[in-house]
Amino acid sequence: MEEARGAQVYHQKCAKCHYPTTTKGLKGPGLQALTKLKGMPSGAPPTDERLTNLILRGRLMMPGTQLTDEELSDLLAYLHTL
């Protein structure tokens, strides 16, 4: 199931800086309900395209993260469950 694989990717690549079950910040913002927000901290809507760009390229203090297409797809599926 892609959400379960996405949770593994999240815990390996994202959890050290982002909480999944709160909007409280760690090093980066908490990601609870991220895909349901009207706007991310940048103000832009959290579309899969924007999230992909942010994850792969990074922004401000967030470094880009190298993921395979499958890992990225699984991670996006997981983010939609938060």
Protein backbone atom coordinates (compact mmCIF):
# COMPACT_ATOMS: atom_id res chain seq x y z
CA MET A 1 0.00 0.00 0.00
CA GLU A 2 1.54 3.29 -1.07
CA GLU A 3 0.50 5.21 2.07
CA ALA A 4 2.36 2.71 4.27
CA ARG A 5 5.46 2.91 2.06
CA GLY A 6 5.09 6.71 2.11
CA ALA A 7 5.05 6.65 5.92
CA GLN A 8 8.39 4.83 5.83
CA VAL A 9 9.84 7.46 3.46
CA TYR A 10 8.47 10.20 5.74
CA HIS A 11 10.09 8.71 8.83
CA GLN A 12 13.42 8.26 7.01
CA LYS A 13 13.57 11.63 5.23
CA CYS A 14 11.16 14.12 6.85
CA ALA A 15 10.46 13.27 10.50
CA LYS A 16 13.70 14.76 11.85
CA CYS A 17 12.37 18.23 10.93
CA HIS A 18 8.57 17.92 10.61
CA TYR A 19 5.93 16.56 12.99
CA PRO A 20 3.21 14.60 11.15
CA THR A 21 0.34 14.91 13.64
CA THR A 22 0.45 18.56 14.68
CA THR A 23 0.93 21.95 13.07
CA LYS A 24 3.47 22.78 15.80
CA GLY A 25 6.87 23.39 14.34
CA LEU A 26 9.99 21.31 14.95
CA LYS A 27 12.80 22.57 12.68
CA GLY A 28 10.20 23.02 9.96
CA PRO A 29 6.42 23.41 10.17
CA GLY A 30 4.22 20.57 11.37
CA LEU A 31 2.49 18.83 8.48
CA GLN A 32 -0.87 17.84 9.99
CA ALA A 33 -3.60 18.40 7.37
CA LEU A 34 -1.00 19.92 5.01
CA THR A 35 -2.87 18.92 1.86
CA LYS A 36 -6.13 20.31 3.26
CA LEU A 37 -4.80 23.82 3.94
CA LYS A 38 -5.68 26.79 1.75
CA GLY A 39 -2.03 27.84 1.79
CA MET A 40 1.36 26.57 2.88
CA PRO A 41 3.65 28.84 4.95
CA SER A 42 4.68 30.45 1.64
CA GLY A 43 1.02 31.29 0.98
CA ALA A 44 0.81 29.01 -2.06
CA PRO A 45 -1.85 26.27 -2.17
CA PRO A 46 -0.39 22.82 -1.32
CA THR A 47 -0.89 21.13 -4.69
CA ASP A 48 0.97 17.89 -5.43
CA GLU A 49 3.03 19.82 -8.00
CA ARG A 50 4.08 22.45 -5.45
CA LEU A 51 4.78 19.84 -2.78
CA THR A 52 6.88 17.85 -5.27
CA ASN A 53 8.89 20.94 -6.17
CA LEU A 54 9.40 21.82 -2.50
CA ILE A 55 10.41 18.27 -1.52
CA LEU A 56 12.85 17.79 -4.39
CA ARG A 57 14.34 21.30 -4.58
CA GLY A 58 13.94 22.55 -1.02
CA ARG A 59 13.18 26.12 0.04
CA LEU A 60 14.88 28.52 2.42
CA MET A 61 16.30 26.36 5.24
CA MET A 62 14.81 23.12 3.91
CA PRO A 63 17.27 21.18 1.76
CA GLY A 64 16.13 19.34 -1.33
CA THR A 65 15.52 15.63 -0.80
CA GLN A 66 16.58 13.02 -3.32
CA LEU A 67 13.75 10.53 -3.88
CA THR A 68 12.90 8.05 -6.59
CA ASP A 69 9.64 8.63 -8.48
CA GLU A 70 8.08 5.76 -6.51
CA GLU A 71 9.23 7.16 -3.14
CA LEU A 72 7.87 10.57 -4.07
CA SER A 73 4.52 9.15 -5.16
CA ASP A 74 4.28 7.11 -1.94
CA LEU A 75 5.25 10.13 0.18
CA LEU A 76 2.60 12.32 -1.47
CA ALA A 77 -0.01 9.59 -0.84
CA TYR A 78 1.02 9.54 2.84
CA LEU A 79 0.90 13.33 3.15
CA HIS A 80 -2.71 13.23 1.93
CA THR A 81 -3.57 11.00 4.92
CA LEU A 82 -2.28 13.47 7.53
